Structure formats: structure tokens, C-alpha cells
PDB file of N, CA and C in Angstrom:
ATOM      1  N   MET A   1     -58.797  40.747  84.806  1.00  0.00           N
ATOM      2  CA  MET A   1     -58.366  39.717  85.724  1.00  0.00           C
ATOM      3  C   MET A   1     -57.406  40.351  86.722  1.00  0.00           C
ATOM      4  N   SER A   2     -57.895  40.664  87.865  1.00  0.00           N
ATOM      5  CA  SER A   2     -57.109  41.339  88.886  1.00  0.00           C
ATOM      6  C   SER A   2     -56.932  40.404  90.074  1.00  0.00           C
ATOM      7  N   GLU A   3     -55.720  39.868  90.222  1.00  0.00           N
ATOM      8  CA  GLU A   3     -55.438  38.994  91.357  1.00  0.00           C
ATOM      9  C   GLU A   3     -54.830  39.800  92.479  1.00  0.00           C
ATOM     10  N   GLU A   4     -55.282  39.529  93.670  1.00  0.00           N
ATOM     11  CA  GLU A   4     -54.757  40.230  94.839  1.00  0.00           C
ATOM     12  C   GLU A   4     -53.362  39.697  95.170  1.00  0.00           C
ATOM     13  N   VAL A   5     -52.466  40.594  95.537  1.00  0.00           N
ATOM     14  CA  VAL A   5     -51.117  40.217  95.931  1.00  0.00           C
ATOM     15  C   VAL A   5     -50.880  40.737  97.338  1.00  0.00           C
ATOM     16  N   ARG A   6     -50.474  39.849  98.225  1.00  0.00           N
ATOM     17  CA  ARG A   6     -50.161  40.244  99.595  1.00  0.00           C
ATOM     18  C   ARG A   6     -48.686  39.943  99.854  1.00  0.00           C
ATOM     19  N   PRO A   7     -47.887  40.972 100.086  1.00  0.00           N
ATOM     20  CA  PRO A   7     -46.467  40.723 100.372  1.00  0.00           C
ATOM     21  C   PRO A   7     -46.311  39.892 101.644  1.00  0.00           C
ATOM     22  N   GLY A   8     -45.470  38.854 101.573  1.00  0.00           N
ATOM     23  CA  GLY A   8     -45.239  37.996 102.733  1.00  0.00           C
ATOM     24  C   GLY A   8     -46.228  36.862 102.868  1.00  0.00           C
ATOM     25  N   TYR A   9     -47.145  36.722 101.891  1.00  0.00           N
ATOM     26  CA  TYR A   9     -48.144  35.655 101.928  1.00  0.00           C
ATOM     27  C   TYR A   9     -48.190  34.963 100.570  1.00  0.00           C
ATOM     28  N   TYR A  10     -48.738  33.759 100.564  1.00  0.00           N
ATOM     29  CA  TYR A  10     -49.003  33.059  99.315  1.00  0.00           C
ATOM     30  C   TYR A  10     -50.340  32.342  99.448  1.00  0.00           C
ATOM     31  N   LYS A  11     -50.915  32.008  98.305  1.00  0.00           N
ATOM     32  CA  LYS A  11     -52.183  31.279  98.308  1.00  0.00           C
ATOM     33  C   LYS A  11     -51.894  29.798  98.155  1.00  0.00           C
ATOM     34  N   ASP A  12     -52.477  28.996  99.042  1.00  0.00           N
ATOM     35  CA  ASP A  12     -52.303  27.558  98.913  1.00  0.00           C
ATOM     36  C   ASP A  12     -53.278  27.013  97.873  1.00  0.00           C
ATOM     37  N   ARG A  13     -53.298  25.703  97.698  1.00  0.00           N
ATOM     38  CA  ARG A  13     -54.147  25.093  96.665  1.00  0.00           C
ATOM     39  C   ARG A  13     -55.628  25.344  96.902  1.00  0.00           C
ATOM     40  N   ALA A  14     -56.004  25.469  98.172  1.00  0.00           N
ATOM     41  CA  ALA A  14     -57.412  25.704  98.506  1.00  0.00           C
ATOM     42  C   ALA A  14     -57.798  27.170  98.357  1.00  0.00           C
ATOM     43  N   GLY A  15     -56.827  28.026  98.063  1.00  0.00           N
ATOM     44  CA  GLY A  15     -57.116  29.442  97.900  1.00  0.00           C
ATOM     45  C   GLY A  15     -57.019  30.243  99.184  1.00  0.00           C
ATOM     46  N   ASN A  16     -56.512  29.635 100.238  1.00  0.00           N
ATOM     47  CA  ASN A  16     -56.344  30.335 101.514  1.00  0.00           C
ATOM     48  C   ASN A  16     -54.976  31.020 101.561  1.00  0.00           C
ATOM     49  N   TRP A  17     -54.935  32.198 102.180  1.00  0.00           N
ATOM     50  CA  TRP A  17     -53.670  32.921 102.310  1.00  0.00           C
ATOM     51  C   TRP A  17     -52.855  32.311 103.447  1.00  0.00           C
ATOM     52  N   GLN A  18     -51.606  31.978 103.167  1.00  0.00           N
ATOM     53  CA  GLN A  18     -50.681  31.416 104.155  1.00  0.00           C
ATOM     54  C   GLN A  18     -49.462  32.329 104.266  1.00  0.00           C
ATOM     55  N   VAL A  19     -48.893  32.411 105.471  1.00  0.00           N
ATOM     56  CA  VAL A  19     -47.695  33.227 105.671  1.00  0.00           C
ATOM     57  C   VAL A  19     -46.522  32.556 104.965  1.00  0.00           C
ATOM     58  N   ASP A  20     -45.805  33.321 104.178  1.00  0.00           N
ATOM     59  CA  ASP A  20     -44.628  32.808 103.484  1.00  0.00           C
ATOM     60  C   ASP A  20     -43.446  32.883 104.439  1.00  0.00           C
ATOM     61  N   ARG A  21     -43.005  31.731 104.909  1.00  0.00           N
ATOM     62  CA  ARG A  21     -41.909  31.706 105.877  1.00  0.00           C
ATOM     63  C   ARG A  21     -40.590  32.121 105.244  1.00  0.00           C
ATOM     64  N   ARG A  22     -40.497  32.060 103.937  1.00  0.00           N
ATOM     65  CA  ARG A  22     -39.260  32.419 103.250  1.00  0.00           C
ATOM     66  C   ARG A  22     -39.195  33.893 102.897  1.00  0.00           C
ATOM     67  N   SER A  23     -40.149  34.682 103.346  1.00  0.00           N
ATOM     68  CA  SER A  23     -40.202  36.078 102.923  1.00  0.00           C
ATOM     69  C   SER A  23     -39.235  36.970 103.690  1.00  0.00           C
ATOM     70  N   GLY A  24     -38.553  36.437 104.700  1.00  0.00           N
ATOM     71  CA  GLY A  24     -37.613  37.236 105.486  1.00  0.00           C
ATOM     72  C   GLY A  24     -36.353  37.563 104.701  1.00  0.00           C
ATOM     73  N   ILE A  25     -35.449  38.243 105.355  1.00  0.00           N
ATOM     74  CA  ILE A  25     -34.183  38.624 104.727  1.00  0.00           C
ATOM     75  C   ILE A  25     -33.299  37.392 104.606  1.00  0.00           C
ATOM     76  N   ASP A  26     -32.726  37.206 103.454  1.00  0.00           N
ATOM     77  CA  ASP A  26     -31.823  36.086 103.228  1.00  0.00           C
ATOM     78  C   ASP A  26     -30.464  36.435 103.821  1.00  0.00           C
ATOM     79  N   ARG A  27     -30.030  35.684 104.819  1.00  0.00           N
ATOM     80  CA  ARG A  27     -28.784  36.011 105.500  1.00  0.00           C
ATOM     81  C   ARG A  27     -27.572  35.856 104.593  1.00  0.00           C
ATOM     82  N   ARG A  28     -27.705  35.107 103.514  1.00  0.00           N
ATOM     83  CA  ARG A  28     -26.586  34.951 102.588  1.00  0.00           C
ATOM     84  C   ARG A  28     -26.351  36.204 101.769  1.00  0.00           C
ATOM     85  N   ASP A  29     -27.360  37.065 101.678  1.00  0.00           N
ATOM     86  CA  ASP A  29     -27.229  38.286 100.889  1.00  0.00           C
ATOM     87  C   ASP A  29     -26.692  39.458 101.694  1.00  0.00           C
ATOM     88  N   LEU A  30     -26.414  39.265 102.983  1.00  0.00           N
ATOM     89  CA  LEU A  30     -25.999  40.374 103.825  1.00  0.00           C
ATOM     90  C   LEU A  30     -24.579  40.842 103.522  1.00  0.00           C
ATOM     91  N   SER A  31     -23.691  39.938 103.144  1.00  0.00           N
ATOM     92  CA  SER A  31     -22.309  40.334 102.869  1.00  0.00           C
ATOM     93  C   SER A  31     -22.151  40.668 101.390  1.00  0.00           C
ATOM     94  N   ASN A  32     -21.184  41.505 101.106  1.00  0.00           N
ATOM     95  CA  ASN A  32     -20.906  41.857  99.713  1.00  0.00           C
ATOM     96  C   ASN A  32     -20.258  40.664  99.026  1.00  0.00           C
ATOM     97  N   PRO A  33     -20.734  40.295  97.854  1.00  0.00           N
ATOM     98  CA  PRO A  33     -20.160  39.138  97.171  1.00  0.00           C
ATOM     99  C   PRO A  33     -18.739  39.425  96.695  1.00  0.00           C
ATOM    100  N   SER A  34     -17.910  38.435  96.852  1.00  0.00           N
ATOM    101  CA  SER A  34     -16.526  38.534  96.396  1.00  0.00           C
ATOM    102  C   SER A  34     -16.427  37.871  95.025  1.00  0.00           C
ATOM    103  N   PRO A  35     -15.564  38.356  94.156  1.00  0.00           N
ATOM    104  CA  PRO A  35     -15.431  37.708  92.844  1.00  0.00           C
ATOM    105  C   PRO A  35     -14.908  36.281  92.945  1.00  0.00           C
ATOM    106  N   VAL A  36     -14.311  35.937  94.079  1.00  0.00           N
ATOM    107  CA  VAL A  36     -13.738  34.606  94.243  1.00  0.00           C
ATOM    108  C   VAL A  36     -14.750  33.621  94.820  1.00  0.00           C
ATOM    109  N   ASP A  37     -15.884  34.103  95.313  1.00  0.00           N
ATOM    110  CA  ASP A  37     -16.858  33.238  95.978  1.00  0.00           C
ATOM    111  C   ASP A  37     -17.328  32.097  95.091  1.00  0.00           C
ATOM    112  N   ARG A  38     -17.635  32.387  93.849  1.00  0.00           N
ATOM    113  CA  ARG A  38     -18.141  31.346  92.951  1.00  0.00           C
ATOM    114  C   ARG A  38     -17.093  30.261  92.748  1.00  0.00           C
ATOM    115  N   GLU A  39     -15.844  30.669  92.536  1.00  0.00           N
ATOM    116  CA  GLU A  39     -14.775  29.691  92.351  1.00  0.00           C
ATOM    117  C   GLU A  39     -14.572  28.877  93.627  1.00  0.00           C
ATOM    118  N   ARG A  40     -14.639  29.525  94.785  1.00  0.00           N
ATOM    119  CA  ARG A  40     -14.468  28.824  96.058  1.00  0.00           C
ATOM    120  C   ARG A  40     -15.581  27.802  96.243  1.00  0.00           C
ATOM    121  N   ARG A  41     -16.808  28.166  95.880  1.00  0.00           N
ATOM    122  CA  ARG A  41     -17.921  27.217  95.998  1.00  0.00           C
ATOM    123  C   ARG A  41     -17.714  26.031  95.072  1.00  0.00           C
ATOM    124  N   ASN A  42     -17.186  26.287  93.889  1.00  0.00           N
ATOM    125  CA  ASN A  42     -16.962  25.189  92.958  1.00  0.00           C
ATOM    126  C   ASN A  42     -15.871  24.252  93.456  1.00  0.00           C
ATOM    127  N   ILE A  43     -14.815  24.797  94.063  1.00  0.00           N
ATOM    128  CA  ILE A  43     -13.719  23.957  94.547  1.00  0.00           C
ATOM    129  C   ILE A  43     -14.153  23.143  95.751  1.00  0.00           C
ATOM    130  N   PHE A  44     -14.838  23.783  96.685  1.00  0.00           N
ATOM    131  CA  PHE A  44     -15.188  23.122  97.934  1.00  0.00           C
ATOM    132  C   PHE A  44     -16.652  22.699  97.958  1.00  0.00           C
ATOM    133  N   ARG A  45     -17.155  22.190  96.865  1.00  0.00           N
ATOM    134  CA  ARG A  45     -18.563  21.832  96.783  1.00  0.00           C
ATOM    135  C   ARG A  45     -18.927  20.738  97.776  1.00  0.00           C
ATOM    136  N   ARG A  46     -18.105  19.738  97.863  1.00  0.00           N
ATOM    137  CA  ARG A  46     -18.410  18.643  98.782  1.00  0.00           C
ATOM    138  C   ARG A  46     -17.224  18.418  99.708  1.00  0.00           C
ATOM    139  N   GLN A  47     -17.482  17.820 100.842  1.00  0.00           N
ATOM    140  CA  GLN A  47     -16.412  17.577 101.805  1.00  0.00           C
ATOM    141  C   GLN A  47     -15.367  16.637 101.215  1.00  0.00           C
ATOM    142  N   ALA A  48     -15.792  15.635 100.462  1.00  0.00           N
ATOM    143  CA  ALA A  48     -14.841  14.706  99.859  1.00  0.00           C
ATOM    144  C   ALA A  48     -13.921  15.437  98.892  1.00  0.00           C
ATOM    145  N   ASP A  49     -14.469  16.359  98.116  1.00  0.00           N
ATOM    146  CA  ASP A  49     -13.648  17.142  97.202  1.00  0.00           C
ATOM    147  C   ASP A  49     -12.647  17.988  97.972  1.00  0.00           C
ATOM    148  N   ARG A  50     -13.095  18.571  99.085  1.00  0.00           N
ATOM    149  CA  ARG A  50     -12.217  19.419  99.890  1.00  0.00           C
ATOM    150  C   ARG A  50     -11.073  18.593 100.473  1.00  0.00           C
ATOM    151  N   GLU A  51     -11.379  17.392 100.968  1.00  0.00           N
ATOM    152  CA  GLU A  51     -10.340  16.542 101.543  1.00  0.00           C
ATOM    153  C   GLU A  51      -9.328  16.134 100.487  1.00  0.00           C
ATOM    154  N   ARG A  52      -9.796  15.797  99.300  1.00  0.00           N
ATOM    155  CA  ARG A  52      -8.875  15.425  98.228  1.00  0.00           C
ATOM    156  C   ARG A  52      -8.023  16.615  97.813  1.00  0.00           C
ATOM    157  N   TYR A  53      -8.629  17.785  97.750  1.00  0.00           N
ATOM    158  CA  TYR A  53      -7.898  19.005  97.401  1.00  0.00           C
ATOM    159  C   TYR A  53      -6.795  19.280  98.423  1.00  0.00           C
ATOM    160  N   GLU A  54      -7.106  19.149  99.716  1.00  0.00           N
ATOM    161  CA  GLU A  54      -6.108  19.391 100.760  1.00  0.00           C
ATOM    162  C   GLU A  54      -4.986  18.360 100.693  1.00  0.00           C
ATOM    163  N   ARG A  55      -5.319  17.099 100.448  1.00  0.00           N
ATOM    164  CA  ARG A  55      -4.301  16.050 100.353  1.00  0.00           C
ATOM    165  C   ARG A  55      -3.385  16.304  99.159  1.00  0.00           C
ATOM    166  N   ASP A  56      -3.962  16.633  98.008  1.00  0.00           N
ATOM    167  CA  ASP A  56      -3.158  16.916  96.821  1.00  0.00           C
ATOM    168  C   ASP A  56      -2.276  18.135  97.036  1.00  0.00           C
ATOM    169  N   HIS A  57      -2.800  19.134  97.721  1.00  0.00           N
ATOM    170  CA  HIS A  57      -2.030  20.347  97.981  1.00  0.00           C
ATOM    171  C   HIS A  57      -0.841  20.031  98.894  1.00  0.00           C
ATOM    172  N   LYS A  58      -1.074  19.188  99.899  1.00  0.00           N
ATOM    173  CA  LYS A  58       0.009  18.815 100.813  1.00  0.00           C
ATOM    174  C   LYS A  58       1.109  18.076 100.052  1.00  0.00           C
ATOM    175  N   ILE A  59       0.732  17.185  99.148  1.00  0.00           N
ATOM    176  CA  ILE A  59       1.707  16.444  98.346  1.00  0.00           C
ATOM    177  C   ILE A  59       2.507  17.403  97.471  1.00  0.00           C
ATOM    178  N   MET A  60       1.840  18.367  96.853  1.00  0.00           N
ATOM    179  CA  MET A  60       2.537  19.336  96.002  1.00  0.00           C
ATOM    180  C   MET A  60       3.532  20.161  96.810  1.00  0.00           C
ATOM    181  N   VAL A  61       3.174  20.560  98.018  1.00  0.00           N
ATOM    182  CA  VAL A  61       4.076  21.346  98.865  1.00  0.00           C
ATOM    183  C   VAL A  61       5.287  20.509  99.252  1.00  0.00           C
ATOM    184  N   GLU A  62       5.063  19.244  99.623  1.00  0.00           N
ATOM    185  CA  GLU A  62       6.176  18.371  99.993  1.00  0.00           C
ATOM    186  C   GLU A  62       7.128  18.175  98.819  1.00  0.00           C
ATOM    187  N   GLU A  63       6.593  17.976  97.611  1.00  0.00           N
ATOM    188  CA  GLU A  63       7.443  17.815  96.434  1.00  0.00           C
ATOM    189  C   GLU A  63       8.236  19.083  96.151  1.00  0.00           C
ATOM    190  N   ALA A  64       7.609  20.231  96.306  1.00  0.00           N
ATOM    191  CA  ALA A  64       8.309  21.494  96.073  1.00  0.00           C
ATOM    192  C   ALA A  64       9.428  21.680  97.088  1.00  0.00           C
ATOM    193  N   LEU A  65       9.191  21.310  98.343  1.00  0.00           N
ATOM    194  CA  LEU A  65      10.239  21.423  99.362  1.00  0.00           C
ATOM    195  C   LEU A  65      11.394  20.467  99.080  1.00  0.00           C
ATOM    196  N   GLU A  66      11.075  19.256  98.623  1.00  0.00           N
ATOM    197  CA  GLU A  66      12.134  18.304  98.273  1.00  0.00           C
ATOM    198  C   GLU A  66      12.964  18.825  97.107  1.00  0.00           C
ATOM    199  N   ASP A  67      12.319  19.369  96.082  1.00  0.00           N
ATOM    200  CA  ASP A  67      13.042  19.937  94.941  1.00  0.00           C
ATOM    201  C   ASP A  67      13.930  21.094  95.380  1.00  0.00           C
ATOM    202  N   PHE A  68      13.418  21.933  96.252  1.00  0.00           N
ATOM    203  CA  PHE A  68      14.184  23.071  96.750  1.00  0.00           C
ATOM    204  C   PHE A  68      15.401  22.586  97.534  1.00  0.00           C
ATOM    205  N   ALA A  69      15.205  21.536  98.354  1.00  0.00           N
ATOM    206  CA  ALA A  69      16.310  20.996  99.144  1.00  0.00           C
ATOM    207  C   ALA A  69      17.376  20.396  98.238  1.00  0.00           C
ATOM    208  N   GLU A  70      16.968  19.708  97.163  1.00  0.00           N
ATOM    209  CA  GLU A  70      17.936  19.138  96.222  1.00  0.00           C
ATOM    210  C   GLU A  70      18.749  20.229  95.539  1.00  0.00           C
ATOM    211  N   GLU A  71      18.098  21.308  95.156  1.00  0.00           N
ATOM    212  CA  GLU A  71      18.791  22.404  94.477  1.00  0.00           C
ATOM    213  C   GLU A  71      19.771  23.119  95.400  1.00  0.00           C
ATOM    214  N   HIS A  72      19.530  23.080  96.690  1.00  0.00           N
ATOM    215  CA  HIS A  72      20.370  23.811  97.636  1.00  0.00           C
ATOM    216  C   HIS A  72      21.184  22.877  98.531  1.00  0.00           C
ATOM    217  N   GLY A  73      21.475  21.708  98.034  1.00  0.00           N
ATOM    218  CA  GLY A  73      22.343  20.792  98.759  1.00  0.00           C
ATOM    219  C   GLY A  73      21.741  20.246 100.041  1.00  0.00           C
ATOM    220  N   GLY A  74      20.447  20.102 100.092  1.00  0.00           N
ATOM    221  CA  GLY A  74      19.797  19.524 101.258  1.00  0.00           C
ATOM    222  C   GLY A  74      19.529  20.498 102.378  1.00  0.00           C
ATOM    223  N   HIS A  75      19.833  21.777 102.165  1.00  0.00           N
ATOM    224  CA  HIS A  75      19.583  22.785 103.197  1.00  0.00           C
ATOM    225  C   HIS A  75      18.435  23.679 102.770  1.00  0.00           C
ATOM    226  N   LEU A  76      17.529  23.930 103.687  1.00  0.00           N
ATOM    227  CA  LEU A  76      16.405  24.820 103.385  1.00  0.00           C
ATOM    228  C   LEU A  76      16.762  26.245 103.659  1.00  0.00           C
TER     229      LEU A  76
END
């Protein structure tokens, strides 16, 4: 059983060879992967998650600045 293989093509249901439009270079693979990429994708998966993350981060920074000001007599 020897099936023909043509790089850049696929066989449709009728058995006709069609050009595989996905056979080009994947632009996402051009850069070297960073170890932090997976974590970044998980954090910023959706825009709503990103907005909530930014809002929570802003609140944490404001609280830290208030605590710092209290410890130093209201002066930054």
C-alpha cells in the first residue's frame, strides 16, 4: 500500500490534490520562545482577564504607596 505524498498539497474527499494553504512558514515560530511566554499567555488569555489584572495591580500599588506614606509620616 503505497500512498503518494506531495509536500504542500492534500487530497480532498474526492481524491483530488489541493494546495495546502497552511503549508507556509508559521510566523509565530520565527522568534525564539521565551520561558515566560506560556505564563504570559495564561495571564492575558482574554481581554477581560487583562483588564481585571491591570485594575487589581493598580489597587495593590496604591495600597503599597499608602502603607509607605503611613510608615514615613505621610512623606514619600
